[in-house]
Structures are given as C-alpha cells and as structure tokens.
Protein backbone atom coordinates (compact mmCIF):
# COMPACT_ATOMS: atom_id res chain seq x y z
CA MET A 1 2.28 -16.70 11.25
CA ASN A 2 0.22 -19.38 10.25
CA GLU A 3 1.33 -21.38 6.30
CA ASN A 4 -2.24 -20.45 4.82
CA MET A 5 -2.23 -16.36 5.93
CA PRO A 6 -0.14 -14.36 3.38
CA GLY A 7 3.36 -12.81 4.88
CA GLU A 8 4.52 -9.04 4.00
CA GLU A 9 5.93 -9.86 1.30
CA LEU A 10 2.95 -11.76 -0.87
CA ILE A 11 0.80 -8.50 0.72
CA LYS A 12 2.84 -6.17 -0.84
CA ASN A 13 3.26 -7.66 -4.25
CA ALA A 14 -0.26 -7.47 -4.61
CA LEU A 15 -0.75 -4.08 -4.01
CA ARG A 16 1.62 -3.54 -6.74
CA VAL A 17 -1.41 -3.52 -8.97
CA VAL A 18 -2.86 -0.85 -6.89
CA LEU A 19 -2.22 3.15 -8.46
CA ASP A 20 -1.88 6.34 -7.68
CA PRO A 21 -4.45 7.51 -10.39
CA GLU A 22 -2.75 10.86 -10.45
CA VAL A 23 1.17 9.55 -11.61
CA GLY A 24 -0.27 6.14 -12.97
CA VAL A 25 2.95 4.20 -10.27
CA ASN A 26 2.09 1.83 -7.50
CA ILE A 27 1.76 2.30 -4.49
CA VAL A 28 4.50 0.52 -2.63
CA ASP A 29 6.90 2.05 -6.03
CA LEU A 30 5.75 5.47 -4.46
CA GLY A 31 6.83 4.51 -1.26
CA LEU A 32 3.09 4.96 0.37
CA VAL A 33 2.38 1.93 2.16
CA TYR A 34 4.76 2.35 5.29
CA LYS A 35 3.45 -1.28 7.38
CA ILE A 36 2.63 -4.33 6.77
CA GLU A 37 1.36 -6.32 9.63
CA VAL A 38 -0.06 -10.07 9.84
CA SER A 39 -1.63 -11.69 13.06
CA ASN A 40 -4.15 -14.19 13.28
CA GLY A 41 -5.17 -14.04 9.64
CA ASN A 42 -5.75 -10.62 10.55
CA LEU A 43 -4.14 -7.87 7.92
CA LYS A 44 -3.41 -4.08 9.09
CA VAL A 45 -1.68 -1.89 6.90
CA LEU A 46 -0.61 1.70 7.47
CA MET A 47 -0.49 3.61 4.63
CA THR A 48 0.51 7.37 3.64
CA MET A 49 -0.32 9.95 0.78
CA THR A 50 1.70 11.87 -0.84
CA SER A 51 0.12 15.09 1.13
CA GLN A 52 -2.62 15.09 3.81
CA SER A 53 -4.93 17.38 1.18
CA CYS A 54 -4.62 14.77 -1.39
CA PRO A 55 -8.62 13.76 -2.44
CA LEU A 56 -7.69 10.07 -3.48
CA GLY A 57 -7.02 9.18 0.07
CA PRO A 58 -10.35 7.18 0.25
CA TYR A 59 -10.46 5.92 -3.25
CA LEU A 60 -6.94 4.32 -2.26
CA ARG A 61 -7.64 3.03 1.02
CA GLU A 62 -10.39 0.83 -0.77
CA ASN A 63 -8.52 -0.38 -3.76
CA VAL A 64 -6.44 -1.40 -1.01
CA ILE A 65 -8.98 -3.04 0.81
CA SER A 66 -10.57 -4.94 -2.22
CA THR A 67 -6.87 -5.54 -3.87
CA ILE A 68 -6.59 -7.57 -1.19
CA ARG A 69 -9.92 -9.39 0.10
CA GLY A 70 -9.86 -10.87 -3.28
CA GLN A 71 -6.03 -12.02 -3.27
CA PHE A 72 -6.03 -13.32 0.24
CA PRO A 73 -9.80 -14.38 1.09
CA SER A 74 -8.84 -16.60 4.08
CA LEU A 75 -7.96 -13.10 5.61
CA LYS A 76 -10.35 -12.85 8.59
CA SER A 77 -10.24 -8.53 8.59
CA VAL A 78 -8.19 -5.72 6.41
CA ASP A 79 -7.43 -2.41 8.37
CA VAL A 80 -6.51 0.25 6.20
CA GLN A 81 -5.31 3.26 7.77
CA MET A 82 -3.88 6.83 6.98
CA VAL A 83 -0.92 7.87 8.80
CA TRP A 84 0.73 10.94 8.74
CA ALA A 85 3.91 10.37 10.33
CA PRO A 86 6.67 10.56 9.47
CA PRO A 87 5.30 12.89 6.26
CA TRP A 88 5.86 11.11 2.61
CA LYS A 89 9.23 12.59 0.99
CA PRO A 90 10.00 12.22 -2.94
CA GLU A 91 13.33 9.77 -1.63
CA MET A 92 10.65 7.27 -0.32
CA MET A 93 10.08 6.59 -3.80
CA SER A 94 11.95 3.43 -5.80
CA ASP A 95 14.21 3.25 -8.42
CA THR A 96 11.77 2.21 -10.25
CA ALA A 97 9.01 4.92 -9.18
CA LYS A 98 11.73 7.28 -9.97
CA LYS A 99 12.87 6.19 -13.30
CA GLN A 100 9.13 5.88 -13.99
CA LEU A 101 9.04 9.36 -13.64
CA GLY A 102 11.67 10.89 -15.23
CA TRP A 103 13.66 11.16 -11.60
CA LYS A 104 17.56 10.46 -12.26
C-alpha cells in the first residue's frame, strides 16, 4: 500500500457517515460493508443490503462513492459492488448498531 493511499480502516471510518435512511444507522455498524480493498490507488468495496428487494441500493452505492471521492481524492477509482452472498443477517450488526436500534 502506498503511504498516500488510505487503508481499510480509514475507508471504513469514512463510511460511518453513510446512513441507512430507513433505520438511521451507518452502513458499517449495520454490517452492510463486507470487504474493502485498496490496490494501486483503486478502491473496491463489496457491500450488501438487508434484503435484495431493498430499493435503497442505488442510493447507498452512490452515497458511498461520493463520500469516498470527497474524502480521498487521491484514489484513481472507486468501485462499489452489491453482493448477496452471504445474505445479510441481524447478527452482522455491531453492538453499537444493536443499541441504536434498541436491541439487547
């Protein structure tokens, strides 16, 4: 990794501002971000939705791209792909997300 390129943790922290508008919790804590790869200045994010029928996929994808481009202009490309395997489960949420949603 080039020292001028953001690593996985920086990207993940930046994505914490992207909220799922239906529940008001960020996509990282919801467990929607499966993989972050930075290679040669190119970023690839694999993410999912809580269900394949969720209409917010394109909205969240564009929000991820604009957030990353705004915070890390040195990246050459930002590729965000929706994946459905493994399917999202509530157990993928962080403790923080569970608390925000009133889960025990």
